[in-house]
Amino acid sequence: MSSITAEEAKALAPDLASLKAAQELADICHWVSLGANEAALWGECKGSAQKPYKVQVDLSNRGFACTCPSRKSPCKHVLGLMLLASASPTILKDATPPAWVSEWLEKRTDQTSDHAGQAEPDTASSQSRQKDAARRAARREKLVAAGLETLDLWLKDLIRQGLAFAQSAPASFWEQQSARLVDAQLPGAARMVREMRDIPGASPNWTEILLLKMARLHLLIQAYRRLESLPEPSRTDVRTLLGWTINRKELILSSPALSDDWLVVAQTLEEDETSGLRTQINWLWGKTSRKPAQLILFAFRTRPFEDHLFPGLTLRGDLVYFPSAYPLRAVFKSYRRLESTFVPAGLPNFLAFLDAYSTALGLNPWLEHFPVVLEHVTIERLETNWLLCDGENQAIPVSSRSHCWELLSLSGGHPLTVFGLWDGFSFFPMTAWENERFVRL
């Protein structure tokens, strides 16, 4: 039976209240029935309803379901079952799953299977759809060109008025331009403008950061105007930044995969309060390839993410990268969970780090966050600033928004291996290894 750990269950908890409630449910007295096999855990948990809640966990990818009305994902019953299985695995005896568990597992298998047997579309209908798609594409290109012209004028006006105006400009100044870009079908550019709104006055070097954002937008406009002269990977980067999407299923079918053991080294979660869209960004590191990868998952409101990933999880699988001059974003073609883990091999000093960063930036000048594993580093405080130091007495600034004190306490002044993101100004540590112990910051 595939084991499950308490740390894994805790990492999945949506909040502390859910975790506390789950810990109370991790007792056999709350369960009417319990069972497990190689594929799943299941149980019926007593609740406020007349009938017990049916709880199930897919051990192959940590999918879960519960019949309770809770909007949290996972709910306390799923977490309670996981915690109970981790603490007392012998209680969940190996058994044949009941029909409601088997049906749920079969449905999950059907949903992830390829639809290779679908019939080919009618030729005439296919041609008609192709013409419609071509007309829509031409219409979008026209909208995009007009939207970028307006954006170019807006940037020039902002420079002409001076950065002092940016600091005093009302929120509507940024929001109206962002809305115009959305209307022009440029969601990527709209996001970049929205991000600029929060920069003025946010840090001592905010003028440098804002100018860099403006320069990247200007470069994006110029790149689109010269799109046909760019190499194919750079053309894809420009279009992706502006808002064009790539079909994941087509990507998986048509692109080569990289096989490796992949460690989830960090994870962030963002939620749009207006739409309810939750975005989970997972950073992975390849054991043999030593390559980073970014997996982005989406879910609305309380619905679970397609894959249940958490920092510290190791997966053996085939990863397909989205096309780019410097590929980072990827999607799994297939994977399976491993019980073992590893400490990723990183760069030995900051000279190697800056060389790798300059290479990446040369390939993709719009790269906002550069993922890196750094070996043998220490963190030090200099007056009000934090520095990360390598073994050759070189230092880089650490973001003031990061968990600097926690990292200092963890290291005790001794060298660590650290994973984090570099934004061109400072390093944001997200994970550290004390010897071989994985620590999420």
Protein backbone atom coordinates (compact mmCIF):
# COMPACT_ATOMS: atom_id res chain seq x y z
CA MET A 1 0.00 0.00 0.00
CA SER A 2 1.33 3.46 -0.91
CA SER A 3 2.06 5.27 2.35
CA ILE A 4 0.94 8.77 3.20
CA THR A 5 2.68 11.07 5.65
CA ALA A 6 1.38 13.53 8.21
CA GLU A 7 3.56 16.24 6.64
CA GLU A 8 1.85 15.64 3.30
CA ALA A 9 -1.61 15.99 4.85
CA LYS A 10 -0.58 19.16 6.69
CA ALA A 11 0.80 20.66 3.49
CA LEU A 12 -2.58 20.16 1.78
CA ALA A 13 -4.57 21.86 4.57
CA PRO A 14 -6.25 25.05 3.28
CA ASP A 15 -5.91 26.76 6.69
CA LEU A 16 -5.00 26.13 10.33
CA ALA A 17 -8.64 25.75 11.40
CA SER A 18 -9.13 22.88 8.94
CA LEU A 19 -5.94 21.21 10.12
CA LYS A 20 -6.97 21.47 13.78
CA ALA A 21 -10.41 20.01 13.02
CA ALA A 22 -8.80 17.22 10.98
CA GLN A 23 -6.48 16.30 13.85
CA GLU A 24 -9.54 15.77 16.04
CA LEU A 25 -11.05 13.50 13.38
CA ALA A 26 -7.88 11.39 13.12
CA ASP A 27 -9.34 8.99 15.67
CA ILE A 28 -11.11 5.72 14.88
CA CYS A 29 -14.05 6.68 17.13
CA HIS A 30 -15.24 9.18 14.48
CA TRP A 31 -15.38 6.61 11.68
CA VAL A 32 -18.13 4.14 10.86
CA SER A 33 -15.97 2.25 8.36
CA LEU A 34 -12.40 2.40 7.09
CA GLY A 35 -10.49 0.68 4.31
CA ALA A 36 -7.55 0.89 1.96
CA ASN A 37 -5.75 -0.86 -0.87
CA GLU A 38 -2.95 -0.01 -3.29
CA ALA A 39 -5.14 2.49 -5.12
CA ALA A 40 -7.07 4.37 -2.45
CA LEU A 41 -8.04 5.15 1.13
CA TRP A 42 -11.70 5.40 2.06
CA GLY A 43 -13.96 5.74 5.04
CA GLU A 44 -17.32 6.88 6.34
CA CYS A 45 -17.07 9.66 8.89
CA LYS A 46 -19.73 10.62 11.42
CA GLY A 47 -20.98 14.16 10.97
CA SER A 48 -23.91 16.45 11.60
CA ALA A 49 -25.94 14.83 8.80
CA GLN A 50 -28.08 11.74 9.33
CA LYS A 51 -25.83 9.64 7.10
CA PRO A 52 -22.04 9.50 7.51
CA TYR A 53 -19.88 11.38 4.98
CA LYS A 54 -18.19 9.23 2.37
CA VAL A 55 -14.49 10.14 2.14
CA GLN A 56 -11.99 8.85 -0.40
CA VAL A 57 -8.37 9.55 -1.38
CA ASP A 58 -6.73 8.46 -4.65
CA LEU A 59 -3.21 7.33 -3.69
CA SER A 60 -1.84 7.55 -7.23
CA ASN A 61 -2.03 11.34 -7.38
CA ARG A 62 -3.61 12.37 -4.06
CA GLY A 63 -7.00 13.20 -5.54
CA PHE A 64 -9.81 13.28 -3.01
CA ALA A 65 -13.56 13.59 -2.57
CA CYS A 66 -16.04 13.89 0.27
CA THR A 67 -19.84 14.08 0.37
CA CYS A 68 -19.85 16.79 3.07
CA PRO A 69 -21.07 20.31 2.13
CA SER A 70 -17.82 22.04 3.10
CA ARG A 71 -16.44 24.55 0.60
CA LYS A 72 -12.86 24.01 1.73
CA SER A 73 -10.61 21.84 -0.38
CA PRO A 74 -9.60 19.44 0.99
CA CYS A 75 -12.15 19.37 3.81
CA LYS A 76 -11.42 18.30 7.40
CA HIS A 77 -12.75 14.79 6.72
CA VAL A 78 -10.26 14.14 3.88
CA LEU A 79 -7.42 15.53 5.98
CA GLY A 80 -8.58 13.52 8.99
CA LEU A 81 -8.52 10.32 6.94
CA MET A 82 -5.00 11.11 5.70
CA LEU A 83 -3.75 11.87 9.21
CA LEU A 84 -5.34 8.69 10.55
CA ALA A 85 -3.73 6.63 7.77
CA SER A 86 -0.32 8.16 8.48
CA ALA A 87 -0.52 7.68 12.24
CA SER A 88 -2.15 4.22 12.30
CA PRO A 89 -1.78 2.54 8.90
CA THR A 90 -2.72 -0.89 10.27
CA ILE A 91 -6.21 0.37 11.17
CA LEU A 92 -7.02 0.80 7.46
CA LYS A 93 -7.00 -2.86 6.52
CA ASP A 94 -6.30 -3.92 2.97
CA ALA A 95 -9.74 -4.57 1.52
CA THR A 96 -11.86 -4.59 -1.62
CA PRO A 97 -13.26 -1.08 -2.10
CA PRO A 98 -17.04 -0.63 -1.91
CA ALA A 99 -18.96 0.28 -5.06
CA TRP A 100 -18.97 4.04 -4.34
CA VAL A 101 -15.17 4.06 -4.16
CA SER A 102 -14.69 1.88 -7.27
CA GLU A 103 -17.08 4.03 -9.30
CA TRP A 104 -15.26 7.20 -8.23
CA LEU A 105 -11.85 5.76 -9.18
CA GLU A 106 -13.17 4.60 -12.56
CA LYS A 107 -14.62 8.04 -13.26
CA ARG A 108 -11.26 9.66 -12.47
CA THR A 109 -9.51 7.23 -14.83
CA ASP A 110 -12.01 7.98 -17.60
CA GLN A 111 -11.55 11.73 -17.19
CA THR A 112 -7.77 11.51 -17.64
CA SER A 113 -7.78 9.04 -20.53
CA ASP A 114 -7.05 10.22 -24.06
CA HIS A 115 -9.92 10.57 -26.48
CA ALA A 116 -8.05 8.95 -29.32
CA GLY A 117 -11.11 7.07 -30.51
CA GLN A 118 -13.12 10.16 -31.40
CA ALA A 119 -14.27 10.27 -35.00
CA GLU A 120 -12.58 12.58 -37.51
CA PRO A 121 -14.64 15.71 -38.20
CA ASP A 122 -16.47 16.14 -41.48
CA THR A 123 -14.12 17.65 -44.13
CA ALA A 124 -16.50 20.47 -45.15
CA SER A 125 -17.20 21.37 -41.54
CA SER A 126 -13.47 21.30 -40.80
CA GLN A 127 -12.72 23.68 -43.66
CA SER A 128 -15.46 26.03 -42.52
CA ARG A 129 -14.08 26.05 -39.00
CA GLN A 130 -10.58 26.75 -40.34
CA LYS A 131 -11.86 29.76 -42.26
CA ASP A 132 -13.70 31.05 -39.19
CA ALA A 133 -10.55 30.60 -37.11
CA ALA A 134 -8.49 32.49 -39.71
CA ARG A 135 -10.98 35.38 -39.68
CA ARG A 136 -10.92 35.51 -35.87
CA ALA A 137 -7.12 35.44 -35.85
CA ALA A 138 -6.92 38.31 -38.35
CA ARG A 139 -9.43 40.32 -36.32
CA ARG A 140 -7.42 39.73 -33.16
CA GLU A 141 -4.15 40.73 -34.82
CA LYS A 142 -5.78 44.03 -35.84
CA LEU A 143 -7.06 44.64 -32.30
CA VAL A 144 -3.67 43.79 -30.82
CA ALA A 145 -1.79 46.15 -33.15
CA ALA A 146 -4.15 49.02 -32.27
CA GLY A 147 -3.92 48.21 -28.55
CA LEU A 148 -0.12 48.23 -28.61
CA GLU A 149 -0.09 51.58 -30.42
CA THR A 150 -2.21 53.04 -27.62
CA LEU A 151 0.05 51.45 -25.00
CA ASP A 152 3.14 52.92 -26.67
CA LEU A 153 1.64 56.44 -26.50
CA TRP A 154 0.65 55.88 -22.86
CA LEU A 155 4.21 54.86 -21.94
CA LYS A 156 5.67 57.90 -23.71
CA ASP A 157 3.22 60.18 -21.89
CA LEU A 158 4.19 58.61 -18.56
CA ILE A 159 7.90 59.21 -19.23
CA ARG A 160 7.20 62.76 -20.37
CA GLN A 161 5.30 63.56 -17.17
CA GLY A 162 8.04 62.07 -15.00
CA LEU A 163 8.11 59.31 -12.41
CA ALA A 164 6.94 61.71 -9.70
CA PHE A 165 3.57 61.68 -11.45
CA ALA A 166 3.50 57.88 -11.25
CA GLN A 167 3.78 58.09 -7.47
CA SER A 168 0.79 60.44 -7.18
CA ALA A 169 -1.32 59.01 -10.01
CA PRO A 170 -4.74 57.65 -8.92
CA ALA A 171 -5.51 53.94 -9.23
CA SER A 172 -7.81 54.74 -12.16
CA PHE A 173 -4.79 55.89 -14.21
CA TRP A 174 -3.45 52.32 -14.25
CA GLU A 175 -6.79 50.51 -14.23
CA GLN A 176 -8.19 52.35 -17.26
CA GLN A 177 -5.13 51.51 -19.35
CA SER A 178 -5.27 47.91 -18.16
CA ALA A 179 -8.96 47.71 -19.14
CA ARG A 180 -8.19 49.08 -22.62
CA LEU A 181 -5.60 46.36 -23.10
CA VAL A 182 -8.09 43.69 -22.03
CA ASP A 183 -10.52 45.04 -24.64
CA ALA A 184 -7.71 44.76 -27.20
CA GLN A 185 -7.31 41.06 -26.26
CA LEU A 186 -3.97 41.71 -24.58
CA PRO A 187 -4.41 40.15 -21.12
CA GLY A 188 -0.67 39.67 -20.64
CA ALA A 189 0.12 43.34 -21.24
CA ALA A 190 -2.86 44.30 -19.04
CA ARG A 191 -1.40 42.26 -16.18
CA MET A 192 1.97 44.01 -16.54
CA VAL A 193 0.29 47.43 -16.29
CA ARG A 194 -1.69 46.35 -13.21
CA GLU A 195 1.55 45.22 -11.57
CA MET A 196 3.10 48.65 -12.26
CA ARG A 197 0.32 50.30 -10.24
CA ASP A 198 1.66 48.88 -6.96
CA ILE A 199 5.35 49.76 -7.52
CA PRO A 200 5.56 53.55 -6.84
CA GLY A 201 6.66 54.17 -3.26
CA ALA A 202 6.65 50.46 -2.36
CA SER A 203 10.44 50.23 -1.86
CA PRO A 204 13.48 52.52 -1.74
CA ASN A 205 14.46 51.57 -5.32
CA TRP A 206 10.94 51.69 -6.75
CA THR A 207 11.99 54.03 -9.58
CA GLU A 208 14.47 51.44 -10.89
CA ILE A 209 11.87 48.68 -10.71
CA LEU A 210 9.21 50.79 -12.46
CA LEU A 211 11.62 51.84 -15.20
CA LEU A 212 12.55 48.19 -15.78
CA LYS A 213 8.86 47.26 -16.09
CA MET A 214 8.30 50.11 -18.55
CA ALA A 215 11.39 49.13 -20.55
CA ARG A 216 10.16 45.53 -20.80
CA LEU A 217 6.76 46.73 -22.03
CA HIS A 218 8.42 48.99 -24.60
CA LEU A 219 10.65 46.12 -25.76
CA LEU A 220 7.56 43.90 -26.04
CA ILE A 221 5.84 46.44 -28.28
CA GLN A 222 8.92 46.71 -30.52
CA ALA A 223 9.31 42.92 -30.64
CA TYR A 224 5.71 42.47 -31.78
CA ARG A 225 6.21 45.02 -34.56
CA ARG A 226 9.19 42.96 -35.77
CA LEU A 227 7.65 39.59 -35.00
CA GLU A 228 8.41 37.98 -38.36
CA SER A 229 12.12 38.74 -38.09
CA LEU A 230 12.48 36.99 -34.71
CA PRO A 231 13.47 33.33 -34.29
CA GLU A 232 10.53 31.01 -33.62
CA PRO A 233 11.16 30.53 -29.86
CA SER A 234 11.27 34.32 -29.32
CA ARG A 235 8.12 34.79 -31.40
CA THR A 236 6.38 32.33 -29.10
CA ASP A 237 7.63 34.21 -26.02
CA VAL A 238 6.25 37.51 -27.36
CA ARG A 239 2.85 36.06 -28.23
CA THR A 240 2.61 34.19 -24.91
CA LEU A 241 3.44 37.35 -22.96
CA LEU A 242 0.77 39.29 -24.81
CA GLY A 243 -1.87 36.68 -24.06
CA TRP A 244 -1.90 33.96 -26.72
CA THR A 245 -2.31 30.50 -25.26
CA ILE A 246 -1.00 27.05 -26.20
CA ASN A 247 -3.26 24.01 -26.11
CA ARG A 248 -1.93 21.66 -23.42
CA LYS A 249 -3.26 18.47 -25.00
CA GLU A 250 -1.75 19.32 -28.39
CA LEU A 251 1.52 20.22 -26.69
CA ILE A 252 1.71 16.87 -24.90
CA LEU A 253 0.95 14.94 -28.09
CA SER A 254 3.36 16.84 -30.33
CA SER A 255 6.37 17.65 -28.12
CA PRO A 256 9.22 15.53 -26.74
CA ALA A 257 9.22 14.83 -23.01
CA LEU A 258 12.05 15.00 -20.49
CA SER A 259 12.15 12.00 -18.15
CA ASP A 260 13.54 12.59 -14.69
CA ASP A 261 12.82 12.52 -10.97
CA TRP A 262 11.21 15.86 -10.17
CA LEU A 263 11.18 17.43 -6.71
CA VAL A 264 8.54 20.04 -5.90
CA VAL A 265 10.85 22.62 -4.33
CA ALA A 266 8.35 25.46 -3.81
CA GLN A 267 4.72 26.41 -4.24
CA THR A 268 2.73 29.66 -4.20
CA LEU A 269 -1.02 30.27 -4.31
CA GLU A 270 -2.81 33.35 -5.64
CA GLU A 271 -6.54 34.06 -5.77
CA ASP A 272 -8.46 36.62 -7.78
CA GLU A 273 -11.17 37.86 -5.42
CA THR A 274 -13.34 39.07 -8.29
CA SER A 275 -13.39 35.92 -10.42
CA GLY A 276 -12.60 33.36 -7.71
CA LEU A 277 -9.85 31.91 -9.91
CA ARG A 278 -7.04 30.34 -7.86
CA THR A 279 -3.60 29.96 -9.40
CA GLN A 280 -1.12 27.51 -7.93
CA ILE A 281 2.48 27.89 -9.12
CA ASN A 282 4.71 24.89 -8.47
CA TRP A 283 8.48 25.01 -8.93
CA LEU A 284 10.15 21.67 -9.72
CA TRP A 285 13.78 20.63 -9.99
CA GLY A 286 15.10 17.70 -12.02
CA LYS A 287 17.47 15.33 -10.25
CA THR A 288 19.53 14.28 -13.28
CA SER A 289 18.80 17.10 -15.73
CA ARG A 290 19.30 19.77 -13.01
CA LYS A 291 16.62 21.75 -14.82
CA PRO A 292 13.90 23.87 -13.20
CA ALA A 293 10.30 23.65 -14.30
CA GLN A 294 7.21 25.70 -13.50
CA LEU A 295 3.84 23.93 -13.29
CA ILE A 296 0.83 26.25 -13.17
CA LEU A 297 -2.51 24.83 -12.04
CA PHE A 298 -5.88 26.59 -12.01
CA ALA A 299 -9.08 26.00 -10.05
CA PHE A 300 -12.19 28.06 -9.33
CA ARG A 301 -13.08 28.92 -5.75
CA THR A 302 -13.21 25.74 -3.64
CA ARG A 303 -12.76 23.20 -6.45
CA PRO A 304 -9.62 21.06 -6.08
CA PHE A 305 -6.65 21.45 -8.39
CA GLU A 306 -6.19 18.85 -11.11
CA ASP A 307 -2.98 17.56 -9.49
CA HIS A 308 -2.32 17.51 -5.77
CA LEU A 309 1.25 18.71 -5.41
CA PHE A 310 3.04 20.01 -2.35
CA PRO A 311 6.63 21.07 -1.50
CA GLY A 312 8.85 18.11 -0.74
CA LEU A 313 6.97 15.70 -3.03
CA THR A 314 9.09 13.73 -5.52
CA LEU A 315 7.61 12.55 -8.80
CA ARG A 316 9.11 10.29 -11.46
CA GLY A 317 7.67 11.33 -14.76
CA ASP A 318 7.83 12.73 -18.26
CA LEU A 319 7.67 16.51 -18.40
CA VAL A 320 6.86 18.51 -21.54
CA TYR A 321 8.06 22.12 -21.68
CA PHE A 322 6.06 24.86 -23.35
CA PRO A 323 8.00 26.32 -26.31
CA SER A 324 10.22 29.26 -25.33
CA ALA A 325 13.70 30.63 -25.94
CA TYR A 326 14.31 29.79 -22.26
CA PRO A 327 11.78 27.06 -21.38
CA LEU A 328 10.43 27.07 -17.83
CA ARG A 329 6.70 26.41 -17.85
CA ALA A 330 5.88 22.73 -18.31
CA VAL A 331 3.19 20.10 -17.95
CA PHE A 332 3.38 16.44 -16.99
CA LYS A 333 2.70 13.88 -19.67
CA SER A 334 2.70 11.16 -17.03
CA TYR A 335 4.11 10.68 -13.55
CA ARG A 336 4.04 8.56 -10.45
CA ARG A 337 4.79 9.46 -6.86
CA LEU A 338 8.05 8.37 -5.21
CA GLU A 339 8.55 7.81 -1.50
CA SER A 340 12.21 8.88 -1.70
CA THR A 341 13.52 12.43 -1.98
CA PHE A 342 16.80 14.17 -2.82
CA VAL A 343 18.71 17.39 -2.34
CA PRO A 344 19.01 19.07 -5.75
CA ALA A 345 22.44 19.89 -7.09
CA GLY A 346 22.84 23.65 -7.40
CA LEU A 347 25.35 26.29 -8.45
CA PRO A 348 28.55 26.47 -6.35
CA ASN A 349 28.96 30.27 -6.21
CA PHE A 350 27.48 33.59 -7.29
CA LEU A 351 29.77 33.93 -10.28
CA ALA A 352 28.21 30.80 -11.78
CA PHE A 353 24.77 32.08 -10.74
CA LEU A 354 25.15 35.47 -12.44
CA ASP A 355 26.57 33.78 -15.55
CA ALA A 356 23.52 31.48 -15.72
CA TYR A 357 21.18 34.43 -15.14
CA SER A 358 22.76 36.55 -17.88
CA THR A 359 22.46 33.61 -20.30
CA ALA A 360 18.77 33.17 -19.46
CA LEU A 361 18.10 36.91 -19.77
CA GLY A 362 19.85 36.99 -23.12
CA LEU A 363 17.49 34.31 -24.38
CA ASN A 364 14.35 35.79 -22.81
CA PRO A 365 14.68 39.49 -21.82
CA TRP A 366 11.16 39.41 -20.28
CA LEU A 367 12.16 36.80 -17.70
CA GLU A 368 10.74 38.15 -14.42
CA HIS A 369 11.84 35.42 -12.01
CA PHE A 370 14.93 33.26 -12.41
CA PRO A 371 14.71 30.01 -10.39
CA VAL A 372 17.98 28.80 -8.93
CA VAL A 373 19.43 26.38 -6.37
CA LEU A 374 22.47 27.79 -4.58
CA GLU A 375 24.86 25.59 -2.61
CA HIS A 376 26.99 26.44 0.45
CA VAL A 377 25.43 29.83 1.19
CA THR A 378 24.90 31.71 4.45
CA ILE A 379 22.60 34.60 5.28
CA GLU A 380 23.88 37.70 7.06
CA ARG A 381 22.37 40.96 8.26
CA LEU A 382 24.13 44.24 7.43
CA GLU A 383 22.44 47.11 9.28
CA THR A 384 18.85 46.93 7.96
CA ASN A 385 19.67 44.82 4.89
CA TRP A 386 19.99 41.07 4.40
CA LEU A 387 22.65 39.44 2.25
CA LEU A 388 23.20 35.93 0.96
CA CYS A 389 26.90 35.05 0.93
CA ASP A 390 28.76 32.30 -0.91
CA GLY A 391 32.02 30.58 0.00
CA GLU A 392 34.09 33.10 -1.95
CA ASN A 393 32.95 36.13 0.08
CA GLN A 394 30.61 37.37 -2.64
CA ALA A 395 27.11 38.54 -1.69
CA ILE A 396 23.72 39.25 -3.26
CA PRO A 397 20.81 41.14 -1.65
CA VAL A 398 17.92 39.17 -0.14
CA SER A 399 14.34 40.37 -0.45
CA SER A 400 13.06 42.06 2.71
CA ARG A 401 9.74 40.28 2.12
CA SER A 402 11.29 36.84 2.65
CA HIS A 403 11.69 34.81 5.84
CA CYS A 404 15.21 36.03 6.61
CA TRP A 405 15.14 35.46 10.36
CA GLU A 406 13.80 31.93 9.85
CA LEU A 407 16.59 31.16 7.41
CA LEU A 408 19.19 32.56 9.82
CA SER A 409 17.78 30.49 12.68
CA LEU A 410 17.76 27.37 10.52
CA SER A 411 21.37 27.76 9.40
CA GLY A 412 22.84 28.77 12.75
CA GLY A 413 25.50 30.53 10.70
CA HIS A 414 26.41 27.35 8.81
CA PRO A 415 26.19 26.94 5.00
CA LEU A 416 22.92 25.70 3.48
CA THR A 417 21.54 24.75 0.10
CA VAL A 418 18.74 27.15 -0.84
CA PHE A 419 16.17 27.39 -3.63
CA GLY A 420 14.64 30.72 -4.54
CA LEU A 421 13.80 33.28 -7.22
CA TRP A 422 15.97 36.16 -8.45
CA ASP A 423 14.11 39.15 -9.93
CA GLY A 424 17.15 41.15 -11.04
CA PHE A 425 17.24 43.14 -7.80
CA SER A 426 17.08 40.66 -4.92
CA PHE A 427 16.87 36.96 -4.10
CA PHE A 428 13.69 35.52 -2.56
CA PRO A 429 14.50 32.24 -0.73
CA MET A 430 11.61 29.75 -0.67
CA THR A 431 13.16 26.45 0.46
CA ALA A 432 16.29 25.34 2.28
CA TRP A 433 18.01 22.04 3.05
CA GLU A 434 19.69 21.56 6.38
CA ASN A 435 21.96 18.63 5.53
CA GLU A 436 19.29 16.52 3.80
CA ARG A 437 16.25 17.86 5.67
CA PHE A 438 13.78 19.74 3.45
CA VAL A 439 12.51 22.97 5.03
CA ARG A 440 9.80 25.10 3.47
CA LEU A 441 10.31 28.79 4.30
